[in-house]
């Protein structure tokens, strides 16, 4: 009886381990090159041009006209307030 159960268990194990080929995998469809992107526009990285990036030299002339030794502290306070409001 034990031999028969052992043979039955062995037969079940062998049929369960049969080498069935895996099902074929379908390739993912490729989008045409001229198709619109599925990503959101905000997710796309947009590089600014050098003309769009402000640099200190862009503001030198304006600063020379507006800032003097007499109003230096008032201008500095105004800039600090502007920065503080922008960071909120």
PDB file of N, CA and C in Angstrom:
ATOM      1  N   UNK A   1       0.816  -1.188   0.000  1.00  0.00           N
ATOM      2  CA  UNK A   1       0.000   0.000   0.000  1.00  0.00           C
ATOM      3  C   UNK A   1       0.870   1.267   0.000  1.00  0.00           C
ATOM      4  N   UNK A   2       1.923   1.278   0.846  1.00  0.00           N
ATOM      5  CA  UNK A   2       2.824   2.433   0.892  1.00  0.00           C
ATOM      6  C   UNK A   2       3.554   2.595  -0.431  1.00  0.00           C
ATOM      7  N   UNK A   3       3.903   1.491  -1.039  1.00  0.00           N
ATOM      8  CA  UNK A   3       4.599   1.548  -2.317  1.00  0.00           C
ATOM      9  C   UNK A   3       3.691   2.143  -3.376  1.00  0.00           C
ATOM     10  N   UNK A   4       2.435   1.756  -3.328  1.00  0.00           N
ATOM     11  CA  UNK A   4       1.486   2.266  -4.308  1.00  0.00           C
ATOM     12  C   UNK A   4       1.266   3.774  -4.138  1.00  0.00           C
ATOM     13  N   UNK A   5       1.175   4.242  -2.880  1.00  0.00           N
ATOM     14  CA  UNK A   5       1.027   5.678  -2.621  1.00  0.00           C
ATOM     15  C   UNK A   5       2.274   6.447  -3.057  1.00  0.00           C
ATOM     16  N   UNK A   6       3.440   5.859  -2.836  1.00  0.00           N
ATOM     17  CA  UNK A   6       4.685   6.497  -3.241  1.00  0.00           C
ATOM     18  C   UNK A   6       4.752   6.615  -4.756  1.00  0.00           C
ATOM     19  N   UNK A   7       4.305   5.548  -5.475  1.00  0.00           N
ATOM     20  CA  UNK A   7       4.312   5.581  -6.934  1.00  0.00           C
ATOM     21  C   UNK A   7       3.306   6.610  -7.460  1.00  0.00           C
ATOM     22  N   UNK A   8       2.174   6.710  -6.799  1.00  0.00           N
ATOM     23  CA  UNK A   8       1.161   7.696  -7.199  1.00  0.00           C
ATOM     24  C   UNK A   8       1.688   9.114  -6.990  1.00  0.00           C
ATOM     25  N   UNK A   9       2.340   9.343  -5.855  1.00  0.00           N
ATOM     26  CA  UNK A   9       2.901  10.666  -5.573  1.00  0.00           C
ATOM     27  C   UNK A   9       3.988  11.008  -6.583  1.00  0.00           C
ATOM     28  N   UNK A  10       4.823  10.016  -6.942  1.00  0.00           N
ATOM     29  CA  UNK A  10       5.888  10.218  -7.914  1.00  0.00           C
ATOM     30  C   UNK A  10       5.294  10.527  -9.295  1.00  0.00           C
ATOM     31  N   UNK A  11       4.236   9.816  -9.660  1.00  0.00           N
ATOM     32  CA  UNK A  11       3.591  10.043 -10.951  1.00  0.00           C
ATOM     33  C   UNK A  11       2.994  11.445 -11.016  1.00  0.00           C
ATOM     34  N   UNK A  12       2.371  11.858  -9.909  1.00  0.00           N
ATOM     35  CA  UNK A  12       1.802  13.231  -9.875  1.00  0.00           C
ATOM     36  C   UNK A  12       2.890  14.276  -9.981  1.00  0.00           C
ATOM     37  N   UNK A  13       4.006  14.054  -9.291  1.00  0.00           N
ATOM     38  CA  UNK A  13       5.101  15.018  -9.314  1.00  0.00           C
ATOM     39  C   UNK A  13       5.708  15.119 -10.697  1.00  0.00           C
ATOM     40  N   UNK A  14       5.850  13.978 -11.364  1.00  0.00           N
ATOM     41  CA  UNK A  14       6.448  13.997 -12.696  1.00  0.00           C
ATOM     42  C   UNK A  14       5.550  14.664 -13.727  1.00  0.00           C
ATOM     43  N   UNK A  15       4.266  14.486 -13.623  1.00  0.00           N
ATOM     44  CA  UNK A  15       3.369  15.131 -14.580  1.00  0.00           C
ATOM     45  C   UNK A  15       3.261  16.625 -14.299  1.00  0.00           C
ATOM     46  N   UNK A  16       3.413  17.011 -13.053  1.00  0.00           N
ATOM     47  CA  UNK A  16       3.358  18.439 -12.711  1.00  0.00           C
ATOM     48  C   UNK A  16       4.600  19.158 -13.203  1.00  0.00           C
ATOM     49  N   UNK A  17       5.712  18.458 -13.314  1.00  0.00           N
ATOM     50  CA  UNK A  17       6.974  19.069 -13.733  1.00  0.00           C
ATOM     51  C   UNK A  17       7.238  18.887 -15.218  1.00  0.00           C
ATOM     52  N   UNK A  18       6.233  18.642 -15.993  1.00  0.00           N
ATOM     53  CA  UNK A  18       6.415  18.457 -17.429  1.00  0.00           C
ATOM     54  C   UNK A  18       6.990  19.733 -18.037  1.00  0.00           C
ATOM     55  N   UNK A  19       7.791  19.550 -19.052  1.00  0.00           N
ATOM     56  CA  UNK A  19       8.444  20.689 -19.704  1.00  0.00           C
ATOM     57  C   UNK A  19       7.537  21.280 -20.767  1.00  0.00           C
ATOM     58  N   UNK A  20       6.535  22.012 -20.334  1.00  0.00           N
ATOM     59  CA  UNK A  20       5.664  22.707 -21.264  1.00  0.00           C
ATOM     60  C   UNK A  20       6.334  24.016 -21.658  1.00  0.00           C
ATOM     61  N   UNK A  21       6.349  24.319 -22.943  1.00  0.00           N
ATOM     62  CA  UNK A  21       6.959  25.598 -23.340  1.00  0.00           C
ATOM     63  C   UNK A  21       6.110  26.759 -22.824  1.00  0.00           C
ATOM     64  N   UNK A  22       6.759  27.830 -22.438  1.00  0.00           N
ATOM     65  CA  UNK A  22       6.000  28.992 -21.944  1.00  0.00           C
ATOM     66  C   UNK A  22       5.183  29.596 -23.078  1.00  0.00           C
ATOM     67  N   UNK A  23       4.101  30.261 -22.760  1.00  0.00           N
ATOM     68  CA  UNK A  23       3.284  30.873 -23.817  1.00  0.00           C
ATOM     69  C   UNK A  23       4.081  31.974 -24.515  1.00  0.00           C
ATOM     70  N   UNK A  24       3.848  32.152 -25.802  1.00  0.00           N
ATOM     71  CA  UNK A  24       4.603  33.183 -26.533  1.00  0.00           C
ATOM     72  C   UNK A  24       4.270  34.578 -26.006  1.00  0.00           C
ATOM     73  N   UNK A  25       5.291  35.410 -25.947  1.00  0.00           N
ATOM     74  CA  UNK A  25       5.148  36.791 -25.464  1.00  0.00           C
ATOM     75  C   UNK A  25       4.988  37.690 -26.674  1.00  0.00           C
ATOM     76  N   UNK A  26       3.937  38.487 -26.660  1.00  0.00           N
ATOM     77  CA  UNK A  26       3.707  39.411 -27.762  1.00  0.00           C
ATOM     78  C   UNK A  26       4.541  40.675 -27.546  1.00  0.00           C
ATOM     79  N   UNK A  27       5.215  41.156 -28.573  1.00  0.00           N
ATOM     80  CA  UNK A  27       6.006  42.391 -28.406  1.00  0.00           C
ATOM     81  C   UNK A  27       5.080  43.583 -28.191  1.00  0.00           C
ATOM     82  N   UNK A  28       5.587  44.551 -27.440  1.00  0.00           N
ATOM     83  CA  UNK A  28       4.814  45.767 -27.191  1.00  0.00           C
ATOM     84  C   UNK A  28       4.736  46.580 -28.473  1.00  0.00           C
ATOM     85  N   UNK A  29       3.589  47.192 -28.749  1.00  0.00           N
ATOM     86  CA  UNK A  29       3.480  48.001 -29.965  1.00  0.00           C
ATOM     87  C   UNK A  29       4.390  49.218 -29.880  1.00  0.00           C
ATOM     88  N   UNK A  30       4.984  49.541 -30.996  1.00  0.00           N
ATOM     89  CA  UNK A  30       5.885  50.691 -31.067  1.00  0.00           C
ATOM     90  C   UNK A  30       5.109  51.860 -31.659  1.00  0.00           C
ATOM     91  N   UNK A  31       5.174  52.994 -30.958  1.00  0.00           N
ATOM     92  CA  UNK A  31       4.474  54.192 -31.435  1.00  0.00           C
ATOM     93  C   UNK A  31       5.239  54.794 -32.608  1.00  0.00           C
ATOM     94  N   UNK A  32       4.552  55.306 -33.605  1.00  0.00           N
ATOM     95  CA  UNK A  32       5.237  55.958 -34.719  1.00  0.00           C
ATOM     96  C   UNK A  32       5.996  57.187 -34.232  1.00  0.00           C
ATOM     97  N   UNK A  33       7.036  57.542 -34.953  1.00  0.00           N
ATOM     98  CA  UNK A  33       7.889  58.662 -34.543  1.00  0.00           C
ATOM     99  C   UNK A  33       7.138  59.986 -34.510  1.00  0.00           C
ATOM    100  N   UNK A  34       6.138  60.161 -35.356  1.00  0.00           N
ATOM    101  CA  UNK A  34       5.433  61.438 -35.408  1.00  0.00           C
ATOM    102  C   UNK A  34       4.198  61.460 -34.511  1.00  0.00           C
ATOM    103  N   UNK A  35       3.985  60.409 -33.715  1.00  0.00           N
ATOM    104  CA  UNK A  35       2.825  60.368 -32.815  1.00  0.00           C
ATOM    105  C   UNK A  35       3.090  61.263 -31.611  1.00  0.00           C
ATOM    106  N   UNK A  36       2.056  61.927 -31.085  1.00  0.00           N
ATOM    107  CA  UNK A  36       2.253  62.769 -29.896  1.00  0.00           C
ATOM    108  C   UNK A  36       2.655  61.920 -28.702  1.00  0.00           C
ATOM    109  N   UNK A  37       3.440  62.492 -27.863  1.00  0.00           N
ATOM    110  CA  UNK A  37       3.924  61.789 -26.677  1.00  0.00           C
ATOM    111  C   UNK A  37       2.797  61.602 -25.673  1.00  0.00           C
ATOM    112  N   UNK A  38       2.833  60.462 -24.980  1.00  0.00           N
ATOM    113  CA  UNK A  38       1.799  60.175 -23.982  1.00  0.00           C
ATOM    114  C   UNK A  38       2.126  60.827 -22.641  1.00  0.00           C
ATOM    115  N   UNK A  39       3.317  61.373 -22.504  1.00  0.00           N
ATOM    116  CA  UNK A  39       3.681  62.000 -21.239  1.00  0.00           C
ATOM    117  C   UNK A  39       3.073  63.383 -21.153  1.00  0.00           C
ATOM    118  N   UNK A  40       2.922  63.838 -19.933  1.00  0.00           N
ATOM    119  CA  UNK A  40       2.373  65.179 -19.728  1.00  0.00           C
ATOM    120  C   UNK A  40       3.403  66.215 -20.150  1.00  0.00           C
ATOM    121  N   UNK A  41       2.957  67.359 -20.637  1.00  0.00           N
ATOM    122  CA  UNK A  41       3.908  68.399 -21.033  1.00  0.00           C
ATOM    123  C   UNK A  41       4.772  68.863 -19.865  1.00  0.00           C
ATOM    124  N   UNK A  42       4.215  68.857 -18.662  1.00  0.00           N
ATOM    125  CA  UNK A  42       5.001  69.308 -17.512  1.00  0.00           C
ATOM    126  C   UNK A  42       6.087  68.311 -17.158  1.00  0.00           C
ATOM    127  N   UNK A  43       5.951  67.060 -17.596  1.00  0.00           N
ATOM    128  CA  UNK A  43       6.950  66.049 -17.288  1.00  0.00           C
ATOM    129  C   UNK A  43       8.133  66.135 -18.244  1.00  0.00           C
ATOM    130  N   UNK A  44       7.966  66.813 -19.369  1.00  0.00           N
ATOM    131  CA  UNK A  44       9.048  66.941 -20.319  1.00  0.00           C
ATOM    132  C   UNK A  44      10.019  68.009 -19.840  1.00  0.00           C
ATOM    133  N   UNK A  45      11.287  67.705 -19.971  1.00  0.00           N
ATOM    134  CA  UNK A  45      12.311  68.645 -19.526  1.00  0.00           C
ATOM    135  C   UNK A  45      12.574  69.648 -20.641  1.00  0.00           C
ATOM    136  N   UNK A  46      12.381  70.915 -20.336  1.00  0.00           N
ATOM    137  CA  UNK A  46      12.594  71.984 -21.309  1.00  0.00           C
ATOM    138  C   UNK A  46      13.806  72.789 -20.866  1.00  0.00           C
ATOM    139  N   UNK A  47      14.791  72.840 -21.710  1.00  0.00           N
ATOM    140  CA  UNK A  47      16.011  73.576 -21.396  1.00  0.00           C
ATOM    141  C   UNK A  47      15.846  75.033 -21.815  1.00  0.00           C
ATOM    142  N   UNK A  48      16.125  75.975 -20.900  1.00  0.00           N
ATOM    143  CA  UNK A  48      16.031  77.390 -21.278  1.00  0.00           C
ATOM    144  C   UNK A  48      17.221  77.788 -22.156  1.00  0.00           C
ATOM    145  N   UNK A  49      17.001  78.779 -22.973  1.00  0.00           N
ATOM    146  CA  UNK A  49      18.081  79.305 -23.800  1.00  0.00           C
ATOM    147  C   UNK A  49      18.893  80.284 -22.955  1.00  0.00           C
ATOM    148  N   UNK A  50      20.113  80.569 -23.345  1.00  0.00           N
ATOM    149  CA  UNK A  50      20.935  81.506 -22.569  1.00  0.00           C
ATOM    150  C   UNK A  50      20.282  82.887 -22.420  1.00  0.00           C
ATOM    151  N   UNK A  51      19.468  83.282 -23.389  1.00  0.00           N
ATOM    152  CA  UNK A  51      18.808  84.580 -23.300  1.00  0.00           C
ATOM    153  C   UNK A  51      17.712  84.591 -22.237  1.00  0.00           C
ATOM    154  N   UNK A  52      17.176  83.418 -21.889  1.00  0.00           N
ATOM    155  CA  UNK A  52      16.096  83.336 -20.907  1.00  0.00           C
ATOM    156  C   UNK A  52      16.607  83.277 -19.469  1.00  0.00           C
ATOM    157  N   UNK A  53      17.864  82.961 -19.261  1.00  0.00           N
ATOM    158  CA  UNK A  53      18.418  82.832 -17.919  1.00  0.00           C
ATOM    159  C   UNK A  53      18.994  84.174 -17.484  1.00  0.00           C
ATOM    160  N   UNK A  54      18.424  84.789 -16.432  1.00  0.00           N
ATOM    161  CA  UNK A  54      18.962  86.071 -15.984  1.00  0.00           C
ATOM    162  C   UNK A  54      20.301  85.890 -15.262  1.00  0.00           C
ATOM    163  N   UNK A  55      21.198  86.796 -15.513  1.00  0.00           N
ATOM    164  CA  UNK A  55      22.502  86.785 -14.854  1.00  0.00           C
ATOM    165  C   UNK A  55      22.724  88.159 -14.219  1.00  0.00           C
ATOM    166  N   UNK A  56      23.630  88.263 -13.248  1.00  0.00           N
ATOM    167  CA  UNK A  56      23.831  89.547 -12.552  1.00  0.00           C
ATOM    168  C   UNK A  56      24.129  90.718 -13.488  1.00  0.00           C
ATOM    169  N   UNK A  57      24.831  90.442 -14.590  1.00  0.00           N
ATOM    170  CA  UNK A  57      25.171  91.522 -15.509  1.00  0.00           C
ATOM    171  C   UNK A  57      23.920  92.148 -16.133  1.00  0.00           C
ATOM    172  N   UNK A  58      22.825  91.386 -16.193  1.00  0.00           N
ATOM    173  CA  UNK A  58      21.587  91.922 -16.750  1.00  0.00           C
ATOM    174  C   UNK A  58      21.007  93.037 -15.878  1.00  0.00           C
ATOM    175  N   UNK A  59      21.359  93.070 -14.613  1.00  0.00           N
ATOM    176  CA  UNK A  59      20.765  94.015 -13.666  1.00  0.00           C
ATOM    177  C   UNK A  59      21.726  95.096 -13.184  1.00  0.00           C
ATOM    178  N   UNK A  60      22.963  95.077 -13.656  1.00  0.00           N
ATOM    179  CA  UNK A  60      23.951  96.050 -13.190  1.00  0.00           C
ATOM    180  C   UNK A  60      23.542  97.486 -13.494  1.00  0.00           C
ATOM    181  N   UNK A  61      23.129  97.741 -14.709  1.00  0.00           N
ATOM    182  CA  UNK A  61      22.778  99.106 -15.110  1.00  0.00           C
ATOM    183  C   UNK A  61      21.588  99.620 -14.291  1.00  0.00           C
ATOM    184  N   UNK A  62      20.587  98.782 -14.098  1.00  0.00           N
ATOM    185  CA  UNK A  62      19.413  99.168 -13.313  1.00  0.00           C
ATOM    186  C   UNK A  62      19.811  99.422 -11.854  1.00  0.00           C
ATOM    187  N   UNK A  63      20.688  98.584 -11.307  1.00  0.00           N
ATOM    188  CA  UNK A  63      21.109  98.746  -9.916  1.00  0.00           C
ATOM    189  C   UNK A  63      21.912 100.030  -9.732  1.00  0.00           C
ATOM    190  N   UNK A  64      22.745 100.366 -10.702  1.00  0.00           N
ATOM    191  CA  UNK A  64      23.530 101.593 -10.597  1.00  0.00           C
ATOM    192  C   UNK A  64      22.640 102.828 -10.562  1.00  0.00           C
ATOM    193  N   UNK A  65      21.510 102.768 -11.256  1.00  0.00           N
ATOM    194  CA  UNK A  65      20.587 103.902 -11.282  1.00  0.00           C
ATOM    195  C   UNK A  65      19.752 103.981 -10.007  1.00  0.00           C
ATOM    196  N   UNK A  66      19.314 102.838  -9.497  1.00  0.00           N
ATOM    197  CA  UNK A  66      18.372 102.823  -8.373  1.00  0.00           C
ATOM    198  C   UNK A  66      19.032 102.818  -6.997  1.00  0.00           C
ATOM    199  N   UNK A  67      20.210 102.229  -6.865  1.00  0.00           N
ATOM    200  CA  UNK A  67      20.833 102.081  -5.544  1.00  0.00           C
ATOM    201  C   UNK A  67      21.971 103.074  -5.384  1.00  0.00           C
ATOM    202  N   UNK A  68      21.925 103.789  -4.265  1.00  0.00           N
ATOM    203  CA  UNK A  68      22.995 104.733  -3.926  1.00  0.00           C
ATOM    204  C   UNK A  68      23.382 104.492  -2.469  1.00  0.00           C
ATOM    205  N   UNK A  69      24.401 105.193  -2.015  1.00  0.00           N
ATOM    206  CA  UNK A  69      24.811 105.029  -0.616  1.00  0.00           C
ATOM    207  C   UNK A  69      23.743 105.550   0.344  1.00  0.00           C
ATOM    208  N   UNK A  70      22.924 106.483  -0.112  1.00  0.00           N
ATOM    209  CA  UNK A  70      21.882 107.053   0.741  1.00  0.00           C
ATOM    210  C   UNK A  70      20.718 106.068   0.957  1.00  0.00           C
ATOM    211  N   UNK A  71      20.349 105.305  -0.076  1.00  0.00           N
ATOM    212  CA  UNK A  71      19.185 104.419   0.058  1.00  0.00           C
ATOM    213  C   UNK A  71      19.561 102.925   0.061  1.00  0.00           C
ATOM    214  N   UNK A  72      20.805 102.616   0.343  1.00  0.00           N
ATOM    215  CA  UNK A  72      21.281 101.228   0.317  1.00  0.00           C
ATOM    216  C   UNK A  72      20.491 100.331   1.273  1.00  0.00           C
ATOM    217  N   UNK A  73      20.320 100.773   2.526  1.00  0.00           N
ATOM    218  CA  UNK A  73      19.612  99.950   3.513  1.00  0.00           C
ATOM    219  C   UNK A  73      18.135  99.760   3.139  1.00  0.00           C
ATOM    220  N   UNK A  74      17.492 100.784   2.616  1.00  0.00           N
ATOM    221  CA  UNK A  74      16.087 100.673   2.216  1.00  0.00           C
ATOM    222  C   UNK A  74      15.950  99.701   1.044  1.00  0.00           C
ATOM    223  N   UNK A  75      16.852  99.779   0.074  1.00  0.00           N
ATOM    224  CA  UNK A  75      16.815  98.856  -1.069  1.00  0.00           C
ATOM    225  C   UNK A  75      17.073  97.411  -0.622  1.00  0.00           C
ATOM    226  N   UNK A  76      18.000  97.236   0.309  1.00  0.00           N
ATOM    227  CA  UNK A  76      18.301  95.899   0.834  1.00  0.00           C
ATOM    228  C   UNK A  76      17.091  95.325   1.566  1.00  0.00           C
ATOM    229  N   UNK A  77      16.422  96.134   2.369  1.00  0.00           N
ATOM    230  CA  UNK A  77      15.217  95.679   3.066  1.00  0.00           C
ATOM    231  C   UNK A  77      14.122  95.281   2.066  1.00  0.00           C
ATOM    232  N   UNK A  78      13.979  96.062   1.004  1.00  0.00           N
ATOM    233  CA  UNK A  78      12.968  95.755  -0.011  1.00  0.00           C
ATOM    234  C   UNK A  78      13.280  94.430  -0.708  1.00  0.00           C
ATOM    235  N   UNK A  79      14.559  94.197  -1.014  1.00  0.00           N
ATOM    236  CA  UNK A  79      14.945  92.926  -1.635  1.00  0.00           C
ATOM    237  C   UNK A  79      14.706  91.744  -0.707  1.00  0.00           C
ATOM    238  N   UNK A  80      15.017  91.917   0.575  1.00  0.00           N
ATOM    239  CA  UNK A  80      14.792  90.837   1.548  1.00  0.00           C
ATOM    240  C   UNK A  80      13.305  90.509   1.665  1.00  0.00           C
ATOM    241  N   UNK A  81      12.458  91.515   1.657  1.00  0.00           N
ATOM    242  CA  UNK A  81      11.009  91.274   1.713  1.00  0.00           C
ATOM    243  C   UNK A  81      10.523  90.548   0.462  1.00  0.00           C
ATOM    244  N   UNK A  82      11.045  90.931  -0.685  1.00  0.00           N
ATOM    245  CA  UNK A  82      10.649  90.285  -1.939  1.00  0.00           C
ATOM    246  C   UNK A  82      11.049  88.810  -1.944  1.00  0.00           C
ATOM    247  N   UNK A  83      12.252  88.527  -1.474  1.00  0.00           N
ATOM    248  CA  UNK A  83      12.729  87.139  -1.416  1.00  0.00           C
ATOM    249  C   UNK A  83      11.874  86.336  -0.428  1.00  0.00           C
ATOM    250  N   UNK A  84      11.568  86.949   0.701  1.00  0.00           N
ATOM    251  CA  UNK A  84      10.775  86.268   1.705  1.00  0.00           C
ATOM    252  C   UNK A  84       9.356  85.951   1.182  1.00  0.00           C
ATOM    253  N   UNK A  85       8.756  86.869   0.435  1.00  0.00           N
ATOM    254  CA  UNK A  85       7.428  86.628  -0.137  1.00  0.00           C
ATOM    255  C   UNK A  85       7.469  85.544  -1.215  1.00  0.00           C
ATOM    256  N   UNK A  86       8.545  85.514  -1.982  1.00  0.00           N
ATOM    257  CA  UNK A  86       8.677  84.502  -3.033  1.00  0.00           C
ATOM    258  C   UNK A  86       8.863  83.103  -2.462  1.00  0.00           C
ATOM    259  N   UNK A  87       9.455  83.008  -1.277  1.00  0.00           N
ATOM    260  CA  UNK A  87       9.716  81.693  -0.698  1.00  0.00           C
ATOM    261  C   UNK A  87       8.473  81.114  -0.007  1.00  0.00           C
ATOM    262  N   UNK A  88       7.406  81.897   0.136  1.00  0.00           N
ATOM    263  CA  UNK A  88       6.185  81.378   0.757  1.00  0.00           C
ATOM    264  C   UNK A  88       5.381  80.665  -0.214  1.00  0.00           C
TER     265      UNK A  88
END
